[in-house]
Protein backbone atom coordinates (compact mmCIF):
# COMPACT_ATOMS: atom_id res chain seq x y z
CA MET A 1 -9.15 16.09 -17.96
CA ASN A 2 -8.19 12.63 -19.14
CA ALA A 3 -7.28 10.81 -15.93
CA PHE A 4 -10.41 8.93 -14.81
CA HIS A 5 -10.01 5.19 -15.35
CA ALA A 6 -11.65 1.93 -14.30
CA TYR A 7 -9.68 1.54 -11.06
CA ASP A 8 -8.39 5.00 -10.16
CA ILE A 9 -7.58 8.53 -11.28
CA ARG A 10 -4.18 8.51 -12.97
CA GLY A 11 -2.19 10.16 -15.74
CA ILE A 12 0.69 12.44 -16.64
CA PHE A 13 0.70 15.26 -14.13
CA GLU A 14 -0.08 18.68 -15.66
CA LYS A 15 -1.10 17.03 -18.93
CA ASP A 16 -3.87 14.57 -18.11
CA PHE A 17 -4.82 16.41 -14.92
CA THR A 18 -3.88 19.66 -13.16
CA LEU A 19 -3.75 20.99 -9.62
CA ASP A 20 -7.09 22.68 -10.22
CA ASP A 21 -8.54 19.26 -11.07
CA VAL A 22 -7.06 17.89 -7.87
CA TYR A 23 -8.61 20.72 -5.84
CA ARG A 24 -12.03 19.99 -7.34
CA ILE A 25 -11.66 16.27 -6.68
CA GLY A 26 -10.86 17.04 -3.05
CA PHE A 27 -13.77 19.44 -2.76
CA TYR A 28 -16.36 16.94 -4.00
CA LEU A 29 -15.00 13.79 -2.33
CA PRO A 30 -16.74 14.42 1.03
CA GLN A 31 -20.04 14.81 -0.80
CA LEU A 32 -19.46 11.71 -2.92
CA LEU A 33 -18.54 9.49 0.03
CA ASN A 34 -20.76 11.18 2.61
CA THR A 35 -18.06 11.84 5.16
CA THR A 36 -16.40 14.64 7.10
CA ARG A 37 -13.08 12.76 7.60
CA ILE A 38 -10.76 11.69 4.79
CA LEU A 39 -7.49 9.82 5.31
CA VAL A 40 -4.77 10.85 2.84
CA GLY A 41 -1.37 9.30 2.16
CA ARG A 42 1.16 9.86 -0.59
CA ASP A 43 4.13 8.30 -2.34
CA CYS A 44 7.53 9.88 -2.93
CA ARG A 45 6.96 11.19 -6.48
CA GLN A 46 8.12 14.72 -7.14
CA SER A 47 4.56 15.96 -7.66
CA SER A 48 2.98 14.23 -4.66
CA ASP A 49 3.49 17.04 -2.15
CA ALA A 50 1.85 19.63 -4.43
CA ILE A 51 -1.02 17.26 -5.17
CA PHE A 52 -1.50 16.68 -1.44
CA GLU A 53 -1.60 20.44 -0.84
CA TYR A 54 -4.34 21.03 -3.42
CA LEU A 55 -6.28 17.88 -2.54
CA ALA A 56 -6.24 18.86 1.15
CA LYS A 57 -7.30 22.41 0.32
CA GLY A 58 -10.26 21.09 -1.64
CA ILE A 59 -11.31 18.73 1.14
CA THR A 60 -11.01 21.34 3.89
CA ASP A 61 -12.76 24.00 1.77
CA ALA A 62 -15.68 21.57 1.62
CA GLY A 63 -15.77 21.51 5.42
CA ALA A 64 -14.19 18.09 5.94
CA ASP A 65 -11.03 17.16 7.85
CA VAL A 66 -7.91 15.69 6.25
CA TYR A 67 -6.06 13.08 8.29
CA ASP A 68 -2.53 13.35 6.92
CA VAL A 69 -0.70 10.02 6.96
CA GLY A 70 2.34 11.48 5.19
CA LEU A 71 4.52 9.16 3.12
CA ALA A 72 2.87 5.74 2.89
CA THR A 73 2.58 2.59 0.88
CA THR A 74 -0.80 2.16 -0.76
CA PRO A 75 -1.57 -0.95 1.36
CA MET A 76 -0.82 1.06 4.50
CA VAL A 77 -3.58 3.48 3.53
CA TYR A 78 -5.96 0.57 2.90
CA PHE A 79 -5.08 -0.90 6.30
CA LEU A 80 -5.59 2.35 8.21
CA THR A 81 -8.83 3.10 6.35
CA ALA A 82 -10.36 -0.12 7.61
CA GLN A 83 -8.63 -0.44 10.98
CA LYS A 84 -9.26 3.16 12.02
CA GLN A 85 -12.78 3.11 10.55
CA PHE A 86 -12.55 5.89 8.01
CA ASP A 87 -15.33 6.15 5.44
CA ALA A 88 -12.99 7.59 2.82
CA SER A 89 -9.30 7.62 1.96
CA VAL A 90 -7.01 8.67 -0.86
CA GLN A 91 -3.52 7.47 -1.69
CA ILE A 92 -1.64 9.86 -3.97
CA THR A 93 0.33 7.59 -6.29
CA ALA A 94 0.77 6.43 -9.85
CA SER A 95 1.86 3.00 -8.65
CA HIS A 96 4.15 1.43 -11.29
CA ASN A 97 3.95 4.21 -13.88
CA PRO A 98 6.98 6.35 -14.87
CA LYS A 99 8.01 9.38 -12.83
CA GLU A 100 5.99 11.95 -14.81
CA TYR A 101 2.75 10.22 -13.81
CA ASN A 102 0.74 10.58 -10.64
CA GLY A 103 -2.79 9.88 -9.49
CA LEU A 104 -5.31 9.13 -6.76
CA LYS A 105 -6.51 5.78 -5.46
CA VAL A 106 -9.80 6.27 -3.64
CA SER A 107 -11.30 3.90 -1.06
CA ARG A 108 -14.44 4.00 1.06
CA THR A 109 -15.66 2.28 4.24
CA SER A 110 -13.75 -0.94 5.08
CA ALA A 111 -11.13 -0.01 2.46
CA LEU A 112 -13.49 -1.00 -0.34
CA PRO A 113 -12.20 0.32 -3.67
CA VAL A 114 -13.96 3.15 -5.46
CA GLY A 115 -13.71 2.42 -9.18
CA TYR A 116 -15.25 4.15 -12.13
CA GLU A 117 -18.51 2.23 -11.92
CA SER A 118 -18.74 2.57 -8.14
CA GLY A 119 -18.24 6.31 -7.78
CA LEU A 120 -15.46 7.80 -9.89
CA ASN A 121 -17.94 8.32 -12.73
CA LYS A 122 -20.05 10.50 -10.42
CA LEU A 123 -16.96 12.34 -9.23
CA GLU A 124 -15.96 13.03 -12.82
CA SER A 125 -19.32 14.72 -13.34
CA LEU A 126 -19.23 16.63 -10.06
CA ILE A 127 -15.87 18.30 -10.69
CA LYS A 128 -17.30 20.07 -13.75
CA GLN A 129 -19.21 22.29 -11.31
CA GLU A 130 -17.67 25.41 -9.81
CA PRO A 131 -16.81 24.76 -6.14
CA THR A 132 -18.25 27.11 -3.54
CA PRO A 133 -16.20 26.85 -0.32
CA VAL A 134 -18.20 26.56 2.89
CA SER A 135 -17.89 29.07 5.76
CA GLN A 136 -16.64 26.51 8.29
CA LYS A 137 -13.51 24.95 6.83
CA GLY A 138 -12.07 21.64 7.89
CA ASN A 139 -8.65 20.99 9.40
CA ILE A 140 -5.52 19.06 8.47
CA VAL A 141 -4.81 16.58 11.26
CA PRO A 142 -1.36 14.93 11.44
CA PHE A 143 -1.93 11.17 11.53
CA ASP A 144 1.34 9.26 11.51
CA GLU A 145 0.36 5.64 12.10
CA SER A 146 3.32 3.97 10.38
CA THR A 147 4.25 2.16 13.61
CA THR A 148 0.76 0.64 13.81
CA TYR A 149 1.11 -0.72 10.29
CA SER A 150 4.66 -1.94 10.86
CA GLN A 151 3.55 -3.83 13.97
CA PHE A 152 0.83 -5.52 11.94
CA LEU A 153 3.35 -6.62 9.31
CA GLN A 154 5.68 -7.97 12.02
CA ASN A 155 3.09 -10.71 12.62
CA TYR A 156 4.10 -12.20 9.26
CA VAL A 157 7.86 -12.20 9.80
CA SER A 158 8.90 -15.80 10.37
CA PRO A 159 12.32 -16.78 11.82
CA LYS A 160 12.51 -19.30 8.97
CA ILE A 161 13.13 -16.44 6.53
CA GLU A 162 16.62 -16.15 8.06
CA THR A 163 17.55 -19.39 6.28
CA LEU A 164 17.17 -17.69 2.88
CA ASN A 165 19.79 -15.66 1.07
CA ILE A 166 17.63 -12.85 -0.37
CA VAL A 167 18.12 -9.93 -2.74
CA VAL A 168 15.48 -7.19 -2.47
CA ASP A 169 14.93 -4.51 -5.13
CA ILE A 170 12.94 -1.70 -3.52
CA SER A 171 12.67 0.11 -6.88
CA ASN A 172 13.29 3.44 -5.08
CA GLY A 173 9.66 3.15 -4.01
CA MET A 174 7.50 3.03 -0.94
CA ALA A 175 8.42 -0.47 0.21
CA GLY A 176 11.55 1.24 1.50
CA LEU A 177 9.51 2.58 4.43
CA PHE A 178 9.22 -0.86 6.00
CA ILE A 179 11.02 -3.73 4.28
CA LYS A 180 14.48 -3.27 5.83
CA GLU A 181 12.96 -3.01 9.29
CA LEU A 182 11.05 -6.24 8.68
CA LEU A 183 13.75 -8.32 6.97
CA GLY A 184 16.75 -6.87 8.77
CA LYS A 185 20.31 -6.40 7.57
CA LYS A 186 20.93 -9.84 6.08
CA PRO A 187 19.28 -9.39 2.63
CA TYR A 188 21.17 -7.52 -0.07
CA TYR A 189 19.17 -4.41 -0.96
CA ILE A 190 19.27 -2.46 -4.22
CA ASN A 191 17.55 0.79 -5.23
CA GLU A 192 16.75 1.29 -1.58
CA SER A 193 16.42 5.09 -1.30
CA LEU A 194 12.96 6.67 -1.62
CA ASP A 195 13.36 8.71 -4.80
CA GLY A 196 10.46 9.81 -6.98
CA ASN A 197 12.77 10.14 -9.97
CA PHE A 198 13.30 6.34 -9.82
CA PRO A 199 16.99 6.48 -10.76
CA GLY A 200 17.47 2.71 -10.65
CA HIS A 201 14.71 1.83 -13.08
CA ALA A 202 11.03 2.55 -13.67
CA PRO A 203 8.98 1.04 -10.81
CA ASN A 204 7.20 -1.58 -12.93
CA PRO A 205 8.51 -5.11 -12.27
CA LEU A 206 6.47 -6.57 -15.14
CA GLU A 207 8.78 -4.85 -17.65
CA PRO A 208 11.70 -7.25 -18.28
CA LYS A 209 14.26 -4.42 -18.46
CA ASN A 210 13.32 -3.33 -14.93
CA ILE A 211 14.31 -6.63 -13.32
CA ILE A 212 17.76 -6.94 -14.94
CA GLN A 213 19.52 -5.44 -11.91
CA LEU A 214 17.74 -7.88 -9.62
CA GLN A 215 18.55 -10.86 -11.83
CA GLU A 216 22.22 -9.92 -11.94
CA ALA A 217 22.36 -9.32 -8.18
CA VAL A 218 20.78 -12.71 -7.45
CA LYS A 219 23.43 -14.46 -9.52
CA THR A 220 26.29 -12.31 -8.19
CA HIS A 221 25.36 -12.96 -4.57
CA SER A 222 24.34 -16.61 -5.09
CA ALA A 223 20.95 -15.80 -3.62
CA ASP A 224 18.11 -18.24 -3.12
CA ILE A 225 15.53 -15.73 -4.35
CA GLY A 226 15.08 -12.17 -5.54
CA VAL A 227 12.18 -9.93 -4.51
CA ILE A 228 11.06 -6.75 -6.30
CA PHE A 229 8.33 -4.27 -5.39
CA ASP A 230 6.55 -1.75 -7.56
CA GLY A 231 6.42 1.98 -6.79
CA ASP A 232 3.66 2.01 -4.15
CA ALA A 233 4.30 -1.50 -2.77
CA ASP A 234 0.90 -2.96 -3.53
CA ARG A 235 2.58 -5.49 -5.85
CA VAL A 236 5.51 -7.85 -5.45
CA MET A 237 7.29 -10.20 -7.85
CA PHE A 238 10.12 -12.70 -7.63
CA VAL A 239 13.01 -14.27 -9.52
CA ASP A 240 14.42 -17.69 -8.67
CA GLU A 241 18.00 -18.60 -7.74
CA GLN A 242 18.92 -18.73 -11.44
CA GLY A 243 17.60 -15.22 -11.99
CA GLN A 244 14.54 -16.43 -13.88
CA PHE A 245 11.36 -14.38 -13.49
CA ILE A 246 8.50 -16.24 -11.79
CA SER A 247 5.08 -15.67 -13.32
CA PRO A 248 3.14 -14.00 -10.47
CA ASP A 249 -0.03 -16.03 -10.99
CA LEU A 250 1.80 -19.25 -10.07
CA LEU A 251 2.41 -17.88 -6.60
CA ILE A 252 -1.32 -17.92 -5.90
CA ALA A 253 -0.91 -21.69 -5.70
CA LEU A 254 1.99 -21.44 -3.26
CA LEU A 255 0.02 -19.23 -0.88
CA GLY A 256 -2.02 -22.35 -0.16
CA HIS A 257 0.94 -23.76 1.81
CA TYR A 258 0.47 -20.92 4.29
CA PHE A 259 -3.30 -20.53 4.43
CA LEU A 260 -4.49 -24.09 3.77
CA LYS A 261 -2.22 -26.10 6.04
CA ASN A 262 -5.20 -28.06 7.33
CA SER A 263 -6.11 -30.10 4.26
CA ALA A 264 -9.63 -30.73 5.60
CA GLN A 265 -10.61 -27.07 5.86
CA LYS A 266 -12.95 -25.60 3.28
CA ALA A 267 -11.69 -22.45 1.65
CA ILE A 268 -12.25 -20.27 -1.39
CA VAL A 269 -9.32 -18.94 -3.40
CA LEU A 270 -9.70 -16.20 -6.01
CA GLN A 271 -7.77 -15.95 -9.27
CA ASP A 272 -8.08 -13.54 -12.17
CA ILE A 273 -9.20 -14.51 -15.66
CA ARG A 274 -5.60 -14.62 -16.92
CA THR A 275 -4.35 -17.13 -14.36
CA SER A 276 -2.68 -20.36 -15.50
CA LYS A 277 -4.69 -23.58 -15.33
CA ALA A 278 -1.75 -24.91 -13.34
CA VAL A 279 -2.91 -22.91 -10.30
CA PRO A 280 -6.32 -24.54 -9.68
CA GLU A 281 -4.84 -27.91 -10.60
CA TYR A 282 -2.06 -27.54 -8.01
CA ILE A 283 -4.50 -26.37 -5.34
CA ALA A 284 -6.88 -29.26 -6.07
CA LYS A 285 -3.97 -31.71 -5.86
CA HIS A 286 -2.86 -30.51 -2.41
CA TRP A 287 -6.07 -29.25 -0.77
CA ALA A 288 -9.16 -31.16 -1.89
CA ASN A 289 -11.60 -28.92 -0.02
CA ALA A 290 -10.33 -25.68 -1.52
CA THR A 291 -12.38 -24.11 -4.31
CA VAL A 292 -10.82 -21.74 -6.85
CA GLU A 293 -13.05 -19.02 -8.25
CA MET A 294 -12.22 -16.90 -11.30
CA TRP A 295 -13.02 -13.19 -11.65
CA LYS A 296 -12.18 -9.92 -13.36
CA VAL A 297 -8.80 -8.20 -13.33
CA GLY A 298 -8.07 -5.28 -10.98
CA ARG A 299 -8.45 -4.37 -7.33
CA ALA A 300 -11.78 -2.63 -7.91
CA ASN A 301 -13.07 -6.08 -8.91
CA ALA A 302 -10.95 -8.53 -6.93
CA ALA A 303 -11.22 -6.95 -3.47
CA LEU A 304 -15.00 -6.79 -3.74
CA LYS A 305 -15.27 -10.35 -5.05
CA LEU A 306 -13.01 -11.84 -2.37
CA ARG A 307 -15.13 -10.12 0.28
CA GLU A 308 -18.35 -11.35 -1.35
CA LEU A 309 -17.02 -14.92 -1.38
CA ASP A 310 -15.34 -14.56 2.03
CA GLY A 311 -12.31 -16.12 0.38
CA TYR A 312 -9.05 -16.76 2.22
CA PHE A 313 -6.79 -15.18 -0.38
CA GLY A 314 -6.51 -14.39 -4.06
CA GLY A 315 -4.11 -13.11 -6.66
CA GLU A 316 -3.54 -11.75 -10.12
CA LEU A 317 -1.10 -12.17 -12.96
CA ALA A 318 0.05 -8.57 -12.33
CA GLY A 319 1.46 -9.43 -8.88
CA HIS A 320 -1.40 -8.28 -6.65
CA TYR A 321 -2.26 -10.63 -3.77
CA TYR A 322 -5.41 -10.17 -1.67
CA PHE A 323 -6.01 -11.46 1.85
CA ARG A 324 -9.07 -11.88 4.03
CA ASP A 325 -6.81 -11.04 6.98
CA PHE A 326 -5.94 -7.74 5.29
CA PHE A 327 -9.50 -6.48 4.91
CA TYR A 328 -9.73 -8.33 1.56
CA SER A 329 -7.17 -5.89 0.13
CA ASP A 330 -3.77 -6.33 -1.46
CA SER A 331 -0.37 -5.85 0.13
CA GLY A 332 2.92 -6.46 -1.61
CA ILE A 333 4.92 -6.58 1.61
CA MET A 334 2.51 -8.94 3.38
CA ALA A 335 2.55 -11.24 0.34
CA ALA A 336 6.35 -11.15 0.24
CA LEU A 337 6.70 -12.10 3.91
CA ILE A 338 4.26 -14.99 3.57
CA LEU A 339 5.82 -16.33 0.37
CA LEU A 340 9.35 -16.05 1.76
CA GLU A 341 8.26 -18.24 4.67
CA VAL A 342 6.82 -20.76 2.21
CA PHE A 343 10.05 -20.81 0.18
CA ALA A 344 12.06 -21.13 3.40
CA ASP A 345 10.06 -24.23 4.34
CA PHE A 346 10.85 -25.75 0.95
CA LYS A 347 14.55 -24.90 1.30
CA ILE A 348 14.64 -26.61 4.70
CA ASN A 349 13.30 -29.68 2.89
CA GLY A 350 15.99 -29.48 0.23
CA LEU A 351 14.11 -27.77 -2.62
CA THR A 352 15.27 -24.69 -4.50
CA VAL A 353 12.86 -21.99 -5.65
CA SER A 354 13.14 -23.10 -9.28
CA GLN A 355 12.30 -26.69 -8.28
CA VAL A 356 9.23 -25.52 -6.37
CA ILE A 357 8.00 -23.49 -9.33
CA ALA A 358 8.69 -26.36 -11.77
CA ASP A 359 6.32 -28.51 -9.72
CA ILE A 360 3.52 -26.01 -10.39
CA GLN A 361 4.26 -24.89 -13.95
CA ALA A 362 2.58 -27.55 -16.08
CA TYR A 363 1.93 -25.51 -19.25
CA GLU A 364 3.63 -23.37 -21.85
CA ASN A 365 2.49 -19.77 -21.51
CA SER A 366 2.84 -16.76 -23.78
CA GLY A 367 2.65 -14.18 -21.02
CA GLU A 368 0.45 -11.17 -21.65
CA ILE A 369 0.97 -9.62 -25.08
CA ASN A 370 -0.21 -6.08 -25.88
CA PHE A 371 -1.67 -4.86 -29.18
CA LYS A 372 -2.26 -1.16 -29.71
CA LEU A 373 -5.24 -0.82 -32.04
CA SER A 374 -8.44 1.16 -32.31
CA GLN A 375 -10.93 -1.62 -33.15
CA LYS A 376 -10.52 -3.59 -29.95
CA ASP A 377 -14.11 -4.85 -29.67
CA GLU A 378 -14.19 -5.95 -33.28
CA ALA A 379 -10.88 -7.79 -32.92
CA MET A 380 -12.06 -9.59 -29.77
CA GLU A 381 -15.27 -10.73 -31.43
CA ALA A 382 -13.44 -11.90 -34.54
CA VAL A 383 -11.04 -14.02 -32.49
CA LYS A 384 -13.89 -15.49 -30.47
CA GLN A 385 -16.04 -16.33 -33.47
CA TYR A 386 -13.15 -17.90 -35.36
CA PHE A 387 -12.33 -20.41 -32.67
CA ILE A 388 -15.82 -21.33 -31.49
CA SER A 389 -16.70 -22.02 -35.16
CA GLN A 390 -13.73 -24.38 -35.42
CA GLU A 391 -14.38 -26.45 -32.30
CA THR A 392 -16.78 -26.36 -29.37
CA PRO A 393 -14.95 -24.96 -26.32
CA SER A 394 -14.88 -26.83 -23.03
CA ALA A 395 -15.56 -23.50 -21.25
CA ILE A 396 -16.26 -19.86 -22.12
CA TYR A 397 -15.92 -16.97 -19.64
CA ASP A 398 -17.08 -13.56 -20.82
CA PHE A 399 -16.88 -11.26 -17.80
CA ASP A 400 -13.53 -9.61 -18.64
CA GLY A 401 -13.05 -9.96 -22.34
CA TYR A 402 -13.13 -13.65 -23.21
CA ARG A 403 -11.41 -16.68 -21.77
CA ILE A 404 -12.08 -19.61 -24.08
CA GLU A 405 -10.82 -23.03 -23.03
CA TYR A 406 -10.18 -26.26 -24.91
CA PRO A 407 -8.85 -29.52 -23.45
CA ASP A 408 -5.22 -28.82 -24.33
CA TRP A 409 -5.06 -25.02 -24.63
CA TRP A 410 -6.89 -21.77 -23.80
CA PHE A 411 -6.67 -18.05 -24.37
CA ASN A 412 -7.82 -14.80 -22.78
CA ILE A 413 -8.35 -11.69 -24.85
CA ARG A 414 -9.40 -8.49 -23.11
CA LYS A 415 -9.25 -4.72 -23.28
CA SER A 416 -6.93 -3.02 -20.82
CA ASN A 417 -8.76 -0.91 -18.26
CA THR A 418 -5.73 1.32 -17.66
CA GLU A 419 -3.90 1.56 -21.00
CA PRO A 420 -4.85 1.77 -24.72
CA TYR A 421 -4.19 -1.89 -25.41
CA LEU A 422 -5.87 -5.13 -26.35
CA ARG A 423 -4.24 -7.82 -24.24
CA LEU A 424 -3.79 -11.46 -25.20
CA LEU A 425 -2.59 -14.47 -23.21
CA VAL A 426 -2.35 -18.00 -24.57
CA GLU A 427 -1.51 -21.20 -22.69
CA ALA A 428 -1.04 -24.72 -24.06
CA LYS A 429 0.27 -28.13 -23.09
CA THR A 430 3.13 -27.99 -25.62
CA ILE A 431 5.28 -25.23 -27.04
CA SER A 432 4.38 -26.18 -30.62
CA LEU A 433 0.65 -25.94 -29.91
CA LEU A 434 1.19 -22.62 -28.14
CA GLN A 435 3.06 -21.18 -31.11
CA THR A 436 0.44 -22.43 -33.57
CA LYS A 437 -2.50 -20.93 -31.68
CA LEU A 438 -0.67 -17.71 -30.92
CA SER A 439 0.13 -17.25 -34.60
CA GLU A 440 -3.50 -17.87 -35.57
CA ILE A 441 -4.79 -15.30 -33.11
CA GLU A 442 -2.18 -12.70 -34.01
CA ASN A 443 -3.07 -13.02 -37.70
CA ILE A 444 -6.71 -12.24 -36.89
CA ILE A 445 -5.84 -9.28 -34.64
CA LYS A 446 -3.55 -7.72 -37.25
CA LYS A 447 -6.54 -7.27 -39.56
CA PHE A 448 -7.84 -4.64 -37.13
CA ASP A 449 -4.62 -2.69 -36.76
């Protein structure tokens, strides 16, 4: 089995993991999380029903009950885990991966993520044992609470959103369960059917080819903004009225207009290690009492850190946004509703989406670049040593790869926790400086190809 990763269990179904693996995972989950009740939801992928069947059989053979949510967004499962006080839950999904993938996102009490270091490593060891079903099997309990979750989301639907002309790309994914009910008939929707074959495009909005339909629709319909969700609706991304993609990290700054309206309030905001320097600068400019903290990439890290800090909200370059009011978890739909209200406020004051983003975006940015190579650690160290020997950095962060900052530029180099890549992001005050530094780093990395 080759599906256990830093944040979840995920891979190509029937290649990286099998139904027998799923059964064993289900069987040992109650033991791992010390519970007799496990909440289970699933996405619309072709393999999700079979995976649910075997997962549920494993759980019930271990003597625990399965509370079957049915089709669900991943954030809906997080919400119900915490709100209904379950000590364990599983969402069957491969999130943004192509249709042949599937997986399991595991949470524990209060919807806290179970990552590799916080339990999946133990589960990986446990499933090597031969399961022995107990005499008193558990039950599968129907647990359709979609209305409860929809009512929660309704709290974030502002009448101001009606002022916006919106295009929404549902990506044939799980956002389709709720988004039309929340936003109504006015937006123009594309790829709106729930279809695990993802006929419109792969459900990964970070891939430029997957947002082409949205960009064209925004221009065709003279929209103010375009919204696109990933496959399981835990992420959301946007394009402006010109069809230009908005870097998701910049939207962390804009969330301040919703959560930090009282400029005197003290608040902590969380960003990941890849986030633009423009974000803390914008927040400091508008809300002097807000503090921005930086932490590792991924929900298994961010949700725990935001809770530890009791932060108001946080976000990542990948389009995840975390909220204290959402049990410190991420929700693509909740983030979309809040940000649409923020953009509506700006429109009422005469500003387009591109103008709002231009007021934040103070640097040239490479975006995240992937290098597929075997000597990742050696390449990271070589890049680090080269630059710190040239000039003393103004700051070094080493908790997720390296983020090394200088007065007029910085870079982050890190190993992917979900894919076989070394990832690089460079940001600078000018395009010429960005290109120079990017070229220097790439030349070092290529030596380890």
